[in-house]
């Protein structure tokens, strides 16, 4: 098996999954933090904390 294969849900850890989900929500909402936070079920403050945590 190649070590270059794309990560799957089984190989991602929870932080990687959260980071990926946040990035997708931000991209989907055109960078609008308020809309992304609402979609994720977070407050804007909570989303900003996670953005800082993951360096997004």
Protein backbone atom coordinates (compact mmCIF):
# COMPACT_ATOMS: atom_id res chain seq x y z
CA UNK A 1 0.00 0.00 0.00
CA UNK A 2 1.18 3.50 -0.87
CA UNK A 3 1.89 5.90 1.97
CA UNK A 4 0.56 8.69 -0.28
CA UNK A 5 -3.07 7.55 -0.19
CA UNK A 6 -5.71 10.12 0.72
CA UNK A 7 -6.72 10.13 4.38
CA UNK A 8 -10.02 8.47 5.19
CA UNK A 9 -12.27 8.90 8.20
CA UNK A 10 -10.57 5.84 9.69
CA UNK A 11 -7.07 7.38 9.49
CA UNK A 12 -7.91 10.95 10.46
CA UNK A 13 -7.81 11.88 14.08
CA UNK A 14 -10.55 14.00 15.61
CA UNK A 15 -8.60 17.26 15.30
CA UNK A 16 -7.94 16.62 11.61
CA UNK A 17 -11.62 15.90 11.04
CA UNK A 18 -12.71 19.05 12.90
CA UNK A 19 -10.17 21.21 11.04
CA UNK A 20 -11.31 19.80 7.69
CA UNK A 21 -15.00 20.30 8.52
CA UNK A 22 -14.41 23.90 9.58
CA UNK A 23 -12.39 24.64 6.44
CA UNK A 24 -15.13 23.17 4.22
CA UNK A 25 -17.83 25.23 5.99
CA UNK A 26 -15.82 28.44 5.56
CA UNK A 27 -15.13 27.68 1.90
CA UNK A 28 -18.78 26.77 1.25
CA UNK A 29 -19.91 30.06 2.80
CA UNK A 30 -17.46 32.17 0.83
CA UNK A 31 -15.38 33.03 3.89
CA UNK A 32 -18.39 34.34 5.83
CA UNK A 33 -17.56 33.41 9.42
CA UNK A 34 -21.07 34.11 10.73
CA UNK A 35 -22.69 31.78 8.18
CA UNK A 36 -20.03 29.10 8.64
CA UNK A 37 -20.46 29.22 12.43
CA UNK A 38 -24.24 28.92 12.11
CA UNK A 39 -23.89 25.93 9.77
CA UNK A 40 -21.50 24.27 12.23
CA UNK A 41 -23.77 24.98 15.20
CA UNK A 42 -21.16 27.21 16.84
CA UNK A 43 -21.07 30.79 18.02
CA UNK A 44 -18.75 33.08 16.09
CA UNK A 45 -16.53 33.28 19.19
CA UNK A 46 -16.27 29.48 19.34
CA UNK A 47 -15.44 29.30 15.65
CA UNK A 48 -12.76 32.00 16.02
CA UNK A 49 -11.19 30.01 18.87
CA UNK A 50 -11.05 26.94 16.66
CA UNK A 51 -9.63 28.94 13.76
CA UNK A 52 -6.83 30.07 16.06
CA UNK A 53 -6.34 26.53 17.39
CA UNK A 54 -5.94 25.09 13.89
CA UNK A 55 -4.13 28.05 12.35
CA UNK A 56 -6.87 28.67 9.80
